[in-house]
Amino acid sequence: MTFREAAERSGLSHAYIRYLEIGKRPGTNTPINPSPEMLRGLAKAYNHPYKDLMVRAGYSYEEKDEPSIEETKLEEYAKRMAELVRMAKTDEQAKILVDFAEEFFKK
């Protein structure tokens, strides 16, 4: 998989993924320490266990760190809704979508 494909799947930038692979930040040559959220994106992109990435990155891992299926679905719905709002052609359309999303996520 290319860095760009991994970026698209993970939600991270292709440059960041490249620096992770190299292991150092450009210019400073300091190690890169990805956050748990970034590791979650990488686990999704590469279909690799999140727990393993957390341990390899030096984080302690507890099962509660893993999102539930419901949390994962809600996160995906929120991303889709945000994309729809960005695609709205008028402010009125955007407001309707935002109002809908607020009601949906209250439940």
PDB file of N, CA and C in Angstrom:
ATOM      1  N   MET A   1       0.847  -1.167   0.000  1.00  0.00           N
ATOM      2  CA  MET A   1       0.000   0.000   0.000  1.00  0.00           C
ATOM      3  C   MET A   1       0.900   1.240   0.000  1.00  0.00           C
ATOM      4  N   THR A   2       0.514   2.237  -0.757  1.00  0.00           N
ATOM      5  CA  THR A   2       1.304   3.469  -0.796  1.00  0.00           C
ATOM      6  C   THR A   2       1.014   4.310   0.441  1.00  0.00           C
ATOM      7  N   PHE A   3       1.861   5.303   0.695  1.00  0.00           N
ATOM      8  CA  PHE A   3       1.631   6.207   1.816  1.00  0.00           C
ATOM      9  C   PHE A   3       0.307   6.945   1.623  1.00  0.00           C
ATOM     10  N   ARG A   4       0.006   7.327   0.406  1.00  0.00           N
ATOM     11  CA  ARG A   4      -1.250   8.042   0.131  1.00  0.00           C
ATOM     12  C   ARG A   4      -2.462   7.154   0.379  1.00  0.00           C
ATOM     13  N   GLU A   5      -2.384   5.892   0.004  1.00  0.00           N
ATOM     14  CA  GLU A   5      -3.493   4.968   0.274  1.00  0.00           C
ATOM     15  C   GLU A   5      -3.670   4.785   1.784  1.00  0.00           C
ATOM     16  N   ALA A   6      -2.559   4.638   2.490  1.00  0.00           N
ATOM     17  CA  ALA A   6      -2.622   4.486   3.945  1.00  0.00           C
ATOM     18  C   ALA A   6      -3.184   5.755   4.586  1.00  0.00           C
ATOM     19  N   ALA A   7      -2.805   6.896   4.045  1.00  0.00           N
ATOM     20  CA  ALA A   7      -3.312   8.169   4.572  1.00  0.00           C
ATOM     21  C   ALA A   7      -4.822   8.262   4.398  1.00  0.00           C
ATOM     22  N   GLU A   8      -5.293   7.879   3.242  1.00  0.00           N
ATOM     23  CA  GLU A   8      -6.727   7.929   2.975  1.00  0.00           C
ATOM     24  C   GLU A   8      -7.493   7.005   3.925  1.00  0.00           C
ATOM     25  N   ARG A   9      -6.962   5.831   4.150  1.00  0.00           N
ATOM     26  CA  ARG A   9      -7.627   4.853   5.032  1.00  0.00           C
ATOM     27  C   ARG A   9      -7.537   5.227   6.500  1.00  0.00           C
ATOM     28  N   SER A  10      -6.454   5.890   6.901  1.00  0.00           N
ATOM     29  CA  SER A  10      -6.224   6.175   8.319  1.00  0.00           C
ATOM     30  C   SER A  10      -6.694   7.546   8.769  1.00  0.00           C
ATOM     31  N   GLY A  11      -6.818   8.469   7.814  1.00  0.00           N
ATOM     32  CA  GLY A  11      -7.162   9.841   8.178  1.00  0.00           C
ATOM     33  C   GLY A  11      -5.946  10.669   8.570  1.00  0.00           C
ATOM     34  N   LEU A  12      -4.756  10.116   8.398  1.00  0.00           N
ATOM     35  CA  LEU A  12      -3.517  10.827   8.687  1.00  0.00           C
ATOM     36  C   LEU A  12      -2.925  11.338   7.380  1.00  0.00           C
ATOM     37  N   SER A  13      -1.961  12.223   7.455  1.00  0.00           N
ATOM     38  CA  SER A  13      -1.324  12.702   6.229  1.00  0.00           C
ATOM     39  C   SER A  13      -0.298  11.678   5.740  1.00  0.00           C
ATOM     40  N   HIS A  14      -0.107  11.640   4.428  1.00  0.00           N
ATOM     41  CA  HIS A  14       0.874  10.696   3.882  1.00  0.00           C
ATOM     42  C   HIS A  14       2.287  11.047   4.342  1.00  0.00           C
ATOM     43  N   ALA A  15       2.554  12.334   4.539  1.00  0.00           N
ATOM     44  CA  ALA A  15       3.881  12.746   5.008  1.00  0.00           C
ATOM     45  C   ALA A  15       4.134  12.222   6.427  1.00  0.00           C
ATOM     46  N   TYR A  16       3.122  12.314   7.291  1.00  0.00           N
ATOM     47  CA  TYR A  16       3.273  11.831   8.660  1.00  0.00           C
ATOM     48  C   TYR A  16       3.539  10.331   8.665  1.00  0.00           C
ATOM     49  N   ILE A  17       2.820   9.600   7.845  1.00  0.00           N
ATOM     50  CA  ILE A  17       3.027   8.149   7.782  1.00  0.00           C
ATOM     51  C   ILE A  17       4.442   7.837   7.307  1.00  0.00           C
ATOM     52  N   ARG A  18       4.920   8.608   6.355  1.00  0.00           N
ATOM     53  CA  ARG A  18       6.295   8.420   5.871  1.00  0.00           C
ATOM     54  C   ARG A  18       7.298   8.650   7.003  1.00  0.00           C
ATOM     55  N   TYR A  19       7.086   9.736   7.776  1.00  0.00           N
ATOM     56  CA  TYR A  19       7.991  10.034   8.884  1.00  0.00           C
ATOM     57  C   TYR A  19       7.925   8.946   9.953  1.00  0.00           C
ATOM     58  N   LEU A  20       6.740   8.385  10.171  1.00  0.00           N
ATOM     59  CA  LEU A  20       6.623   7.275  11.117  1.00  0.00           C
ATOM     60  C   LEU A  20       7.464   6.091  10.655  1.00  0.00           C
ATOM     61  N   GLU A  21       7.407   5.830   9.368  1.00  0.00           N
ATOM     62  CA  GLU A  21       8.171   4.696   8.845  1.00  0.00           C
ATOM     63  C   GLU A  21       9.671   4.942   8.990  1.00  0.00           C
ATOM     64  N   ILE A  22      10.086   6.171   8.755  1.00  0.00           N
ATOM     65  CA  ILE A  22      11.496   6.529   8.922  1.00  0.00           C
ATOM     66  C   ILE A  22      11.852   6.518  10.415  1.00  0.00           C
ATOM     67  N   GLY A  23      10.877   6.940  11.257  1.00  0.00           N
ATOM     68  CA  GLY A  23      11.082   6.927  12.693  1.00  0.00           C
ATOM     69  C   GLY A  23      11.556   8.235  13.287  1.00  0.00           C
ATOM     70  N   LYS A  24      11.726   9.258  12.458  1.00  0.00           N
ATOM     71  CA  LYS A  24      12.226  10.544  12.953  1.00  0.00           C
ATOM     72  C   LYS A  24      11.493  11.693  12.283  1.00  0.00           C
ATOM     73  N   ARG A  25      11.420  12.803  13.017  1.00  0.00           N
ATOM     74  CA  ARG A  25      10.844  14.020  12.457  1.00  0.00           C
ATOM     75  C   ARG A  25      11.871  14.669  11.528  1.00  0.00           C
ATOM     76  N   PRO A  26      11.403  15.225  10.429  1.00  0.00           N
ATOM     77  CA  PRO A  26      12.347  15.880   9.519  1.00  0.00           C
ATOM     78  C   PRO A  26      12.935  17.137  10.160  1.00  0.00           C
ATOM     79  N   GLY A  27      14.174  17.403   9.872  1.00  0.00           N
ATOM     80  CA  GLY A  27      14.827  18.604  10.386  1.00  0.00           C
ATOM     81  C   GLY A  27      15.407  18.450  11.769  1.00  0.00           C
ATOM     82  N   THR A  28      14.637  17.876  12.686  1.00  0.00           N
ATOM     83  CA  THR A  28      15.111  17.756  14.067  1.00  0.00           C
ATOM     84  C   THR A  28      15.709  16.393  14.359  1.00  0.00           C
ATOM     85  N   ASN A  29      15.359  15.407  13.558  1.00  0.00           N
ATOM     86  CA  ASN A  29      15.797  14.024  13.761  1.00  0.00           C
ATOM     87  C   ASN A  29      15.410  13.474  15.126  1.00  0.00           C
ATOM     88  N   THR A  30      14.356  14.021  15.721  1.00  0.00           N
ATOM     89  CA  THR A  30      13.857  13.490  16.990  1.00  0.00           C
ATOM     90  C   THR A  30      12.861  12.372  16.693  1.00  0.00           C
ATOM     91  N   PRO A  31      12.774  11.410  17.585  1.00  0.00           N
ATOM     92  CA  PRO A  31      11.839  10.300  17.364  1.00  0.00           C
ATOM     93  C   PRO A  31      10.390  10.778  17.312  1.00  0.00           C
ATOM     94  N   ILE A  32       9.602  10.098  16.522  1.00  0.00           N
ATOM     95  CA  ILE A  32       8.172  10.381  16.448  1.00  0.00           C
ATOM     96  C   ILE A  32       7.455   9.432  17.393  1.00  0.00           C
ATOM     97  N   ASN A  33       6.593   9.992  18.220  1.00  0.00           N
ATOM     98  CA  ASN A  33       5.794   9.199  19.148  1.00  0.00           C
ATOM     99  C   ASN A  33       4.321   9.416  18.811  1.00  0.00           C
ATOM    100  N   PRO A  34       3.731   8.529  18.034  1.00  0.00           N
ATOM    101  CA  PRO A  34       2.337   8.719  17.642  1.00  0.00           C
ATOM    102  C   PRO A  34       1.393   8.601  18.833  1.00  0.00           C
ATOM    103  N   SER A  35       0.343   9.402  18.802  1.00  0.00           N
ATOM    104  CA  SER A  35      -0.664   9.359  19.867  1.00  0.00           C
ATOM    105  C   SER A  35      -1.521   8.102  19.711  1.00  0.00           C
ATOM    106  N   PRO A  36      -2.220   7.720  20.774  1.00  0.00           N
ATOM    107  CA  PRO A  36      -3.126   6.564  20.655  1.00  0.00           C
ATOM    108  C   PRO A  36      -4.149   6.740  19.530  1.00  0.00           C
ATOM    109  N   GLU A  37      -4.645   7.959  19.326  1.00  0.00           N
ATOM    110  CA  GLU A  37      -5.618   8.181  18.265  1.00  0.00           C
ATOM    111  C   GLU A  37      -4.986   7.945  16.885  1.00  0.00           C
ATOM    112  N   MET A  38      -3.753   8.374  16.709  1.00  0.00           N
ATOM    113  CA  MET A  38      -3.061   8.132  15.445  1.00  0.00           C
ATOM    114  C   MET A  38      -2.817   6.637  15.253  1.00  0.00           C
ATOM    115  N   LEU A  39      -2.484   5.951  16.323  1.00  0.00           N
ATOM    116  CA  LEU A  39      -2.287   4.505  16.241  1.00  0.00           C
ATOM    117  C   LEU A  39      -3.587   3.798  15.875  1.00  0.00           C
ATOM    118  N   ARG A  40      -4.700   4.325  16.363  1.00  0.00           N
ATOM    119  CA  ARG A  40      -6.002   3.747  16.028  1.00  0.00           C
ATOM    120  C   ARG A  40      -6.243   3.853  14.515  1.00  0.00           C
ATOM    121  N   GLY A  41      -5.911   5.018  13.939  1.00  0.00           N
ATOM    122  CA  GLY A  41      -6.065   5.199  12.495  1.00  0.00           C
ATOM    123  C   GLY A  41      -5.168   4.261  11.708  1.00  0.00           C
ATOM    124  N   LEU A  42      -3.937   4.102  12.172  1.00  0.00           N
ATOM    125  CA  LEU A  42      -3.003   3.196  11.489  1.00  0.00           C
ATOM    126  C   LEU A  42      -3.467   1.747  11.590  1.00  0.00           C
ATOM    127  N   ALA A  43      -3.979   1.366  12.752  1.00  0.00           N
ATOM    128  CA  ALA A  43      -4.482  -0.002  12.923  1.00  0.00           C
ATOM    129  C   ALA A  43      -5.609  -0.274  11.937  1.00  0.00           C
ATOM    130  N   LYS A  44      -6.469   0.712  11.775  1.00  0.00           N
ATOM    131  CA  LYS A  44      -7.580   0.567  10.826  1.00  0.00           C
ATOM    132  C   LYS A  44      -7.055   0.464   9.393  1.00  0.00           C
ATOM    133  N   ALA A  45      -6.146   1.345   9.035  1.00  0.00           N
ATOM    134  CA  ALA A  45      -5.633   1.382   7.664  1.00  0.00           C
ATOM    135  C   ALA A  45      -4.912   0.103   7.275  1.00  0.00           C
ATOM    136  N   TYR A  46      -4.110  -0.401   8.184  1.00  0.00           N
ATOM    137  CA  TYR A  46      -3.295  -1.577   7.885  1.00  0.00           C
ATOM    138  C   TYR A  46      -3.919  -2.888   8.364  1.00  0.00           C
ATOM    139  N   ASN A  47      -5.132  -2.782   8.910  1.00  0.00           N
ATOM    140  CA  ASN A  47      -5.831  -3.965   9.419  1.00  0.00           C
ATOM    141  C   ASN A  47      -4.921  -4.738  10.384  1.00  0.00           C
ATOM    142  N   HIS A  48      -4.377  -3.990  11.342  1.00  0.00           N
ATOM    143  CA  HIS A  48      -3.439  -4.537  12.320  1.00  0.00           C
ATOM    144  C   HIS A  48      -4.023  -4.301  13.710  1.00  0.00           C
ATOM    145  N   PRO A  49      -3.829  -5.199  14.665  1.00  0.00           N
ATOM    146  CA  PRO A  49      -4.409  -5.013  15.997  1.00  0.00           C
ATOM    147  C   PRO A  49      -3.934  -3.724  16.680  1.00  0.00           C
ATOM    148  N   TYR A  50      -4.896  -2.939  17.097  1.00  0.00           N
ATOM    149  CA  TYR A  50      -4.622  -1.684  17.803  1.00  0.00           C
ATOM    150  C   TYR A  50      -3.781  -1.944  19.055  1.00  0.00           C
ATOM    151  N   LYS A  51      -4.130  -2.982  19.787  1.00  0.00           N
ATOM    152  CA  LYS A  51      -3.416  -3.314  21.021  1.00  0.00           C
ATOM    153  C   LYS A  51      -1.922  -3.501  20.753  1.00  0.00           C
ATOM    154  N   ASP A  52      -1.596  -4.189  19.679  1.00  0.00           N
ATOM    155  CA  ASP A  52      -0.196  -4.437  19.337  1.00  0.00           C
ATOM    156  C   ASP A  52       0.530  -3.123  19.054  1.00  0.00           C
ATOM    157  N   LEU A  53      -0.103  -2.233  18.316  1.00  0.00           N
ATOM    158  CA  LEU A  53       0.535  -0.947  18.021  1.00  0.00           C
ATOM    159  C   LEU A  53       0.733  -0.123  19.292  1.00  0.00           C
ATOM    160  N   MET A  54      -0.243  -0.168  20.190  1.00  0.00           N
ATOM    161  CA  MET A  54      -0.110   0.559  21.456  1.00  0.00           C
ATOM    162  C   MET A  54       1.081   0.046  22.255  1.00  0.00           C
ATOM    163  N   VAL A  55       1.201  -1.258  22.360  1.00  0.00           N
ATOM    164  CA  VAL A  55       2.305  -1.857  23.117  1.00  0.00           C
ATOM    165  C   VAL A  55       3.637  -1.525  22.460  1.00  0.00           C
ATOM    166  N   ARG A  56       3.714  -1.649  21.137  1.00  0.00           N
ATOM    167  CA  ARG A  56       4.973  -1.360  20.427  1.00  0.00           C
ATOM    168  C   ARG A  56       5.382   0.105  20.556  1.00  0.00           C
ATOM    169  N   ALA A  57       4.380   0.993  20.672  1.00  0.00           N
ATOM    170  CA  ALA A  57       4.673   2.425  20.808  1.00  0.00           C
ATOM    171  C   ALA A  57       5.000   2.808  22.248  1.00  0.00           C
ATOM    172  N   GLY A  58       4.939   1.822  23.169  1.00  0.00           N
ATOM    173  CA  GLY A  58       5.324   2.084  24.547  1.00  0.00           C
ATOM    174  C   GLY A  58       4.194   2.526  25.456  1.00  0.00           C
ATOM    175  N   TYR A  59       2.962   2.408  25.005  1.00  0.00           N
ATOM    176  CA  TYR A  59       1.816   2.754  25.845  1.00  0.00           C
ATOM    177  C   TYR A  59       1.369   1.528  26.623  1.00  0.00           C
ATOM    178  N   SER A  60       0.866   1.776  27.826  1.00  0.00           N
ATOM    179  CA  SER A  60       0.225   0.671  28.517  1.00  0.00           C
ATOM    180  C   SER A  60      -1.127   0.512  27.852  1.00  0.00           C
ATOM    181  N   TYR A  61      -1.600  -0.687  27.796  1.00  0.00           N
ATOM    182  CA  TYR A  61      -2.844  -0.939  27.086  1.00  0.00           C
ATOM    183  C   TYR A  61      -3.824  -1.639  27.996  1.00  0.00           C
ATOM    184  N   GLU A  62      -5.006  -1.079  28.044  1.00  0.00           N
ATOM    185  CA  GLU A  62      -6.096  -1.712  28.763  1.00  0.00           C
ATOM    186  C   GLU A  62      -7.241  -1.860  27.789  1.00  0.00           C
ATOM    187  N   GLU A  63      -8.019  -2.887  27.962  1.00  0.00           N
ATOM    188  CA  GLU A  63      -9.130  -3.158  27.043  1.00  0.00           C
ATOM    189  C   GLU A  63     -10.048  -1.951  26.885  1.00  0.00           C
ATOM    190  N   LYS A  64     -10.171  -1.119  27.908  1.00  0.00           N
ATOM    191  CA  LYS A  64     -11.050   0.035  27.802  1.00  0.00           C
ATOM    192  C   LYS A  64     -10.540   1.034  26.762  1.00  0.00           C
ATOM    193  N   ASP A  65      -9.253   0.949  26.379  1.00  0.00           N
ATOM    194  CA  ASP A  65      -8.715   1.833  25.351  1.00  0.00           C
ATOM    195  C   ASP A  65      -9.309   1.529  23.976  1.00  0.00           C
ATOM    196  N   GLU A  66      -9.766   0.327  23.794  1.00  0.00           N
ATOM    197  CA  GLU A  66     -10.333  -0.100  22.508  1.00  0.00           C
ATOM    198  C   GLU A  66     -11.776   0.384  22.423  1.00  0.00           C
ATOM    199  N   PRO A  67     -12.130   1.112  21.367  1.00  0.00           N
ATOM    200  CA  PRO A  67     -13.508   1.595  21.273  1.00  0.00           C
ATOM    201  C   PRO A  67     -14.465   0.435  21.018  1.00  0.00           C
ATOM    202  N   SER A  68     -15.670   0.581  21.517  1.00  0.00           N
ATOM    203  CA  SER A  68     -16.679  -0.432  21.257  1.00  0.00           C
ATOM    204  C   SER A  68     -17.121  -0.335  19.803  1.00  0.00           C
ATOM    205  N   ILE A  69     -17.783  -1.361  19.325  1.00  0.00           N
ATOM    206  CA  ILE A  69     -18.290  -1.338  17.954  1.00  0.00           C
ATOM    207  C   ILE A  69     -19.252  -0.170  17.797  1.00  0.00           C
ATOM    208  N   GLU A  70     -20.063   0.068  18.808  1.00  0.00           N
ATOM    209  CA  GLU A  70     -21.018   1.183  18.749  1.00  0.00           C
ATOM    210  C   GLU A  70     -20.294   2.524  18.649  1.00  0.00           C
ATOM    211  N   GLU A  71     -19.226   2.713  19.450  1.00  0.00           N
ATOM    212  CA  GLU A  71     -18.458   3.959  19.386  1.00  0.00           C
ATOM    213  C   GLU A  71     -17.818   4.136  18.017  1.00  0.00           C
ATOM    214  N   THR A  72     -17.313   3.052  17.462  1.00  0.00           N
ATOM    215  CA  THR A  72     -16.698   3.108  16.138  1.00  0.00           C
ATOM    216  C   THR A  72     -17.722   3.493  15.084  1.00  0.00           C
ATOM    217  N   LYS A  73     -18.915   2.916  15.170  1.00  0.00           N
ATOM    218  CA  LYS A  73     -19.972   3.251  14.212  1.00  0.00           C
ATOM    219  C   LYS A  73     -20.391   4.706  14.352  1.00  0.00           C
ATOM    220  N   LEU A  74     -20.559   5.175  15.584  1.00  0.00           N
ATOM    221  CA  LEU A  74     -20.938   6.566  15.794  1.00  0.00           C
ATOM    222  C   LEU A  74     -19.882   7.520  15.247  1.00  0.00           C
ATOM    223  N   GLU A  75     -18.620   7.168  15.431  1.00  0.00           N
ATOM    224  CA  GLU A  75     -17.533   7.997  14.905  1.00  0.00           C
ATOM    225  C   GLU A  75     -17.608   8.055  13.381  1.00  0.00           C
ATOM    226  N   GLU A  76     -17.882   6.921  12.757  1.00  0.00           N
ATOM    227  CA  GLU A  76     -18.003   6.872  11.298  1.00  0.00           C
ATOM    228  C   GLU A  76     -19.205   7.681  10.830  1.00  0.00           C
ATOM    229  N   TYR A  77     -20.328   7.587  11.540  1.00  0.00           N
ATOM    230  CA  TYR A  77     -21.516   8.381  11.187  1.00  0.00           C
ATOM    231  C   TYR A  77     -21.204   9.872  11.295  1.00  0.00           C
ATOM    232  N   ALA A  78     -20.480  10.245  12.343  1.00  0.00           N
ATOM    233  CA  ALA A  78     -20.139  11.652  12.531  1.00  0.00           C
ATOM    234  C   ALA A  78     -19.263  12.157  11.388  1.00  0.00           C
ATOM    235  N   LYS A  79     -18.311  11.349  10.943  1.00  0.00           N
ATOM    236  CA  LYS A  79     -17.454  11.743   9.824  1.00  0.00           C
ATOM    237  C   LYS A  79     -18.271  11.914   8.549  1.00  0.00           C
ATOM    238  N   ARG A  80     -19.186  10.983   8.316  1.00  0.00           N
ATOM    239  CA  ARG A  80     -20.036  11.062   7.126  1.00  0.00           C
ATOM    240  C   ARG A  80     -20.929  12.295   7.175  1.00  0.00           C
ATOM    241  N   MET A  81     -21.486  12.563   8.354  1.00  0.00           N
ATOM    242  CA  MET A  81     -22.357  13.728   8.502  1.00  0.00           C
ATOM    243  C   MET A  81     -21.563  15.014   8.263  1.00  0.00           C
ATOM    244  N   ALA A  82     -20.361  15.091   8.794  1.00  0.00           N
ATOM    245  CA  ALA A  82     -19.523  16.273   8.583  1.00  0.00           C
ATOM    246  C   ALA A  82     -19.241  16.469   7.102  1.00  0.00           C
ATOM    247  N   GLU A  83     -19.014  15.381   6.391  1.00  0.00           N
ATOM    248  CA  GLU A  83     -18.778  15.466   4.943  1.00  0.00           C
ATOM    249  C   GLU A  83     -20.024  15.980   4.223  1.00  0.00           C
ATOM    250  N   LEU A  84     -21.192  15.506   4.628  1.00  0.00           N
ATOM    251  CA  LEU A  84     -22.438  15.989   4.025  1.00  0.00           C
ATOM    252  C   LEU A  84     -22.635  17.484   4.270  1.00  0.00           C
ATOM    253  N   VAL A  85     -22.320  17.923   5.475  1.00  0.00           N
ATOM    254  CA  VAL A  85     -22.450  19.352   5.785  1.00  0.00           C
ATOM    255  C   VAL A  85     -21.512  20.160   4.905  1.00  0.00           C
ATOM    256  N   ARG A  86     -20.284  19.666   4.708  1.00  0.00           N
ATOM    257  CA  ARG A  86     -19.328  20.378   3.839  1.00  0.00           C
ATOM    258  C   ARG A  86     -19.817  20.428   2.396  1.00  0.00           C
ATOM    259  N   MET A  87     -20.567  19.410   1.980  1.00  0.00           N
ATOM    260  CA  MET A  87     -21.040  19.337   0.596  1.00  0.00           C
ATOM    261  C   MET A  87     -22.336  20.128   0.375  1.00  0.00           C
ATOM    262  N   ALA A  88     -22.951  20.595   1.448  1.00  0.00           N
ATOM    263  CA  ALA A  88     -24.210  21.333   1.316  1.00  0.00           C
ATOM    264  C   ALA A  88     -24.017  22.538   0.407  1.00  0.00           C
ATOM    265  N   LYS A  89     -24.992  22.773  -0.442  1.00  0.00           N
ATOM    266  CA  LYS A  89     -24.882  23.862  -1.413  1.00  0.00           C
ATOM    267  C   LYS A  89     -25.365  25.199  -0.847  1.00  0.00           C
ATOM    268  N   THR A  90     -26.175  25.151   0.193  1.00  0.00           N
ATOM    269  CA  THR A  90     -26.667  26.389   0.804  1.00  0.00           C
ATOM    270  C   THR A  90     -26.504  26.314   2.310  1.00  0.00           C
ATOM    271  N   ASP A  91     -26.545  27.471   2.951  1.00  0.00           N
ATOM    272  CA  ASP A  91     -26.490  27.511   4.414  1.00  0.00           C
ATOM    273  C   ASP A  91     -27.694  26.802   5.011  1.00  0.00           C
ATOM    274  N   GLU A  92     -28.843  26.919   4.344  1.00  0.00           N
ATOM    275  CA  GLU A  92     -30.055  26.272   4.841  1.00  0.00           C
ATOM    276  C   GLU A  92     -29.895  24.753   4.857  1.00  0.00           C
ATOM    277  N   GLN A  93     -29.336  24.206   3.779  1.00  0.00           N
ATOM    278  CA  GLN A  93     -29.097  22.761   3.736  1.00  0.00           C
ATOM    279  C   GLN A  93     -28.138  22.344   4.851  1.00  0.00           C
ATOM    280  N   ALA A  94     -27.087  23.108   5.047  1.00  0.00           N
ATOM    281  CA  ALA A  94     -26.105  22.796   6.083  1.00  0.00           C
ATOM    282  C   ALA A  94     -26.764  22.827   7.463  1.00  0.00           C
ATOM    283  N   LYS A  95     -27.611  23.842   7.713  1.00  0.00           N
ATOM    284  CA  LYS A  95     -28.285  23.949   9.004  1.00  0.00           C
ATOM    285  C   LYS A  95     -29.200  22.754   9.246  1.00  0.00           C
ATOM    286  N   ILE A  96     -29.930  22.326   8.238  1.00  0.00           N
ATOM    287  CA  ILE A  96     -30.813  21.165   8.378  1.00  0.00           C
ATOM    288  C   ILE A  96     -29.997  19.932   8.762  1.00  0.00           C
ATOM    289  N   LEU A  97     -28.880  19.740   8.085  1.00  0.00           N
ATOM    290  CA  LEU A  97     -28.034  18.586   8.389  1.00  0.00           C
ATOM    291  C   LEU A  97     -27.440  18.666   9.798  1.00  0.00           C
ATOM    292  N   VAL A  98     -27.009  19.841  10.197  1.00  0.00           N
ATOM    293  CA  VAL A  98     -26.445  20.015  11.536  1.00  0.00           C
ATOM    294  C   VAL A  98     -27.516  19.752  12.586  1.00  0.00           C
ATOM    295  N   ASP A  99     -28.718  20.292  12.374  1.00  0.00           N
ATOM    296  CA  ASP A  99     -29.818  20.049  13.313  1.00  0.00           C
ATOM    297  C   ASP A  99     -30.122  18.553  13.419  1.00  0.00           C
ATOM    298  N   PHE A 100     -30.160  17.876  12.276  1.00  0.00           N
ATOM    299  CA  PHE A 100     -30.410  16.446  12.267  1.00  0.00           C
ATOM    300  C   PHE A 100     -29.322  15.701  13.048  1.00  0.00           C
ATOM    301  N   ALA A 101     -28.084  16.057  12.777  1.00  0.00           N
ATOM    302  CA  ALA A 101     -26.960  15.390  13.436  1.00  0.00           C
ATOM    303  C   ALA A 101     -27.024  15.595  14.961  1.00  0.00           C
ATOM    304  N   GLU A 102     -27.349  16.803  15.389  1.00  0.00           N
ATOM    305  CA  GLU A 102     -27.446  17.060  16.824  1.00  0.00           C
ATOM    306  C   GLU A 102     -28.509  16.182  17.464  1.00  0.00           C
ATOM    307  N   GLU A 103     -29.650  16.045  16.808  1.00  0.00           N
ATOM    308  CA  GLU A 103     -30.711  15.188  17.334  1.00  0.00           C
ATOM    309  C   GLU A 103     -30.290  13.721  17.330  1.00  0.00           C
ATOM    310  N   PHE A 104     -29.667  13.300  16.257  1.00  0.00           N
ATOM    311  CA  PHE A 104     -29.230  11.903  16.124  1.00  0.00           C
ATOM    312  C   PHE A 104     -28.237  11.528  17.213  1.00  0.00           C
ATOM    313  N   PHE A 105     -27.260  12.389  17.448  1.00  0.00           N
ATOM    314  CA  PHE A 105     -26.202  12.059  18.393  1.00  0.00           C
ATOM    315  C   PHE A 105     -26.600  12.279  19.848  1.00  0.00           C
ATOM    316  N   LYS A 106     -27.739  12.936  20.093  1.00  0.00           N
ATOM    317  CA  LYS A 106     -28.262  13.040  21.468  1.00  0.00           C
ATOM    318  C   LYS A 106     -28.704  11.676  21.953  1.00  0.00           C
ATOM    319  N   LYS A 107     -29.212  10.875  21.036  1.00  0.00           N
ATOM    320  CA  LYS A 107     -29.740   9.549  21.377  1.00  0.00           C
ATOM    321  C   LYS A 107     -28.608   8.613  21.530  1.00  0.00           C
TER     322      LYS A 107
END
